[in-house]
């Protein structure tokens, strides 16, 4: 069996280049995801936005249960 040193060096160089570029691309995507992610995603909205779901809302006499609200949500699709 004849082993070509030149062939193995080319394959090793390709493998090292592939791993290096894969790692660089991974780091670029990680940097991009940090840049895109909001700073404080749980802050209160500003402007004219409305908070849709209030966990500690006071239930009035005519309010429905959570199951009824969920059923209506799926029924109307809103």
C-alpha atoms as a PDB file:
ATOM      1  CA  UNK A   1       0.000   0.000   0.000  1.00  0.00           C
ATOM      2  CA  UNK A   2       1.434   3.313  -1.043  1.00  0.00           C
ATOM      3  CA  UNK A   3       0.669   6.318   1.157  1.00  0.00           C
ATOM      4  CA  UNK A   4       0.908   9.666  -0.531  1.00  0.00           C
ATOM      5  CA  UNK A   5       2.168  12.264   1.920  1.00  0.00           C
ATOM      6  CA  UNK A   6       1.161  15.108  -0.375  1.00  0.00           C
ATOM      7  CA  UNK A   7      -2.420  13.800  -0.539  1.00  0.00           C
ATOM      8  CA  UNK A   8      -2.653  13.521   3.247  1.00  0.00           C
ATOM      9  CA  UNK A   9      -1.228  17.013   3.709  1.00  0.00           C
ATOM     10  CA  UNK A  10      -3.842  18.416   1.327  1.00  0.00           C
ATOM     11  CA  UNK A  11      -6.626  16.614   3.196  1.00  0.00           C
ATOM     12  CA  UNK A  12      -5.308  17.809   6.556  1.00  0.00           C
ATOM     13  CA  UNK A  13      -5.065  21.375   5.279  1.00  0.00           C
ATOM     14  CA  UNK A  14      -8.627  21.168   3.966  1.00  0.00           C
ATOM     15  CA  UNK A  15      -9.890  19.755   7.269  1.00  0.00           C
ATOM     16  CA  UNK A  16      -8.162  22.477   9.303  1.00  0.00           C
ATOM     17  CA  UNK A  17      -9.514  25.171   6.994  1.00  0.00           C
ATOM     18  CA  UNK A  18     -13.016  23.693   7.165  1.00  0.00           C
ATOM     19  CA  UNK A  19     -13.024  23.514  10.968  1.00  0.00           C
ATOM     20  CA  UNK A  20     -11.623  27.048  11.257  1.00  0.00           C
ATOM     21  CA  UNK A  21     -14.184  28.567   8.907  1.00  0.00           C
ATOM     22  CA  UNK A  22     -17.003  26.646  10.597  1.00  0.00           C
ATOM     23  CA  UNK A  23     -15.943  28.032  13.975  1.00  0.00           C
ATOM     24  CA  UNK A  24     -15.675  31.576  12.584  1.00  0.00           C
ATOM     25  CA  UNK A  25     -19.150  31.306  11.056  1.00  0.00           C
ATOM     26  CA  UNK A  26     -20.506  30.006  14.372  1.00  0.00           C
ATOM     27  CA  UNK A  27     -19.020  32.983  16.231  1.00  0.00           C
ATOM     28  CA  UNK A  28     -20.434  35.433  13.652  1.00  0.00           C
ATOM     29  CA  UNK A  29     -23.905  33.933  14.080  1.00  0.00           C
ATOM     30  CA  UNK A  30     -23.550  34.110  17.874  1.00  0.00           C
ATOM     31  CA  UNK A  31     -22.542  37.771  17.645  1.00  0.00           C
ATOM     32  CA  UNK A  32     -25.447  38.483  15.312  1.00  0.00           C
ATOM     33  CA  UNK A  33     -27.933  36.782  17.653  1.00  0.00           C
ATOM     34  CA  UNK A  34     -26.705  38.905  20.584  1.00  0.00           C
ATOM     35  CA  UNK A  35     -27.081  42.028  18.439  1.00  0.00           C
ATOM     36  CA  UNK A  36     -30.636  41.135  17.365  1.00  0.00           C
ATOM     37  CA  UNK A  37     -31.914  40.059  20.790  1.00  0.00           C
ATOM     38  CA  UNK A  38     -33.653  42.859  22.721  1.00  0.00           C
ATOM     39  CA  UNK A  39     -31.817  44.238  25.730  1.00  0.00           C
ATOM     40  CA  UNK A  40     -34.669  43.776  28.195  1.00  0.00           C
ATOM     41  CA  UNK A  41     -37.358  41.627  26.653  1.00  0.00           C
ATOM     42  CA  UNK A  42     -39.566  41.748  29.774  1.00  0.00           C
ATOM     43  CA  UNK A  43     -39.769  45.529  30.110  1.00  0.00           C
ATOM     44  CA  UNK A  44     -43.119  47.293  30.049  1.00  0.00           C
ATOM     45  CA  UNK A  45     -44.097  48.436  26.568  1.00  0.00           C
ATOM     46  CA  UNK A  46     -43.938  52.141  25.814  1.00  0.00           C
ATOM     47  CA  UNK A  47     -46.076  54.316  23.592  1.00  0.00           C
ATOM     48  CA  UNK A  48     -49.597  53.356  22.617  1.00  0.00           C
ATOM     49  CA  UNK A  49     -49.101  49.613  23.016  1.00  0.00           C
ATOM     50  CA  UNK A  50     -51.471  47.642  25.193  1.00  0.00           C
ATOM     51  CA  UNK A  51     -50.579  44.781  27.486  1.00  0.00           C
ATOM     52  CA  UNK A  52     -52.711  41.858  26.333  1.00  0.00           C
ATOM     53  CA  UNK A  53     -52.512  39.511  29.284  1.00  0.00           C
ATOM     54  CA  UNK A  54     -52.423  40.719  32.873  1.00  0.00           C
ATOM     55  CA  UNK A  55     -51.682  37.928  35.276  1.00  0.00           C
ATOM     56  CA  UNK A  56     -52.831  39.778  38.386  1.00  0.00           C
ATOM     57  CA  UNK A  57     -55.929  41.392  36.918  1.00  0.00           C
ATOM     58  CA  UNK A  58     -58.909  41.798  39.208  1.00  0.00           C
ATOM     59  CA  UNK A  59     -61.742  39.623  37.967  1.00  0.00           C
ATOM     60  CA  UNK A  60     -65.090  41.374  37.791  1.00  0.00           C
ATOM     61  CA  UNK A  61     -68.476  39.752  38.157  1.00  0.00           C
ATOM     62  CA  UNK A  62     -69.048  39.268  34.411  1.00  0.00           C
ATOM     63  CA  UNK A  63     -65.590  38.002  33.486  1.00  0.00           C
ATOM     64  CA  UNK A  64     -65.174  34.522  32.065  1.00  0.00           C
ATOM     65  CA  UNK A  65     -62.849  31.820  33.264  1.00  0.00           C
ATOM     66  CA  UNK A  66     -59.498  31.239  31.623  1.00  0.00           C
ATOM     67  CA  UNK A  67     -60.837  28.116  29.853  1.00  0.00           C
ATOM     68  CA  UNK A  68     -63.712  30.110  28.344  1.00  0.00           C
ATOM     69  CA  UNK A  69     -61.374  32.866  27.211  1.00  0.00           C
ATOM     70  CA  UNK A  70     -59.044  30.298  25.637  1.00  0.00           C
ATOM     71  CA  UNK A  71     -61.956  28.549  23.888  1.00  0.00           C
ATOM     72  CA  UNK A  72     -63.159  31.871  22.461  1.00  0.00           C
ATOM     73  CA  UNK A  73     -59.622  32.710  21.394  1.00  0.00           C
ATOM     74  CA  UNK A  74     -59.381  29.512  19.361  1.00  0.00           C
ATOM     75  CA  UNK A  75     -62.967  29.840  18.096  1.00  0.00           C
ATOM     76  CA  UNK A  76     -62.532  33.357  16.696  1.00  0.00           C
ATOM     77  CA  UNK A  77     -58.878  32.957  15.816  1.00  0.00           C
ATOM     78  CA  UNK A  78     -57.908  36.283  17.356  1.00  0.00           C
END
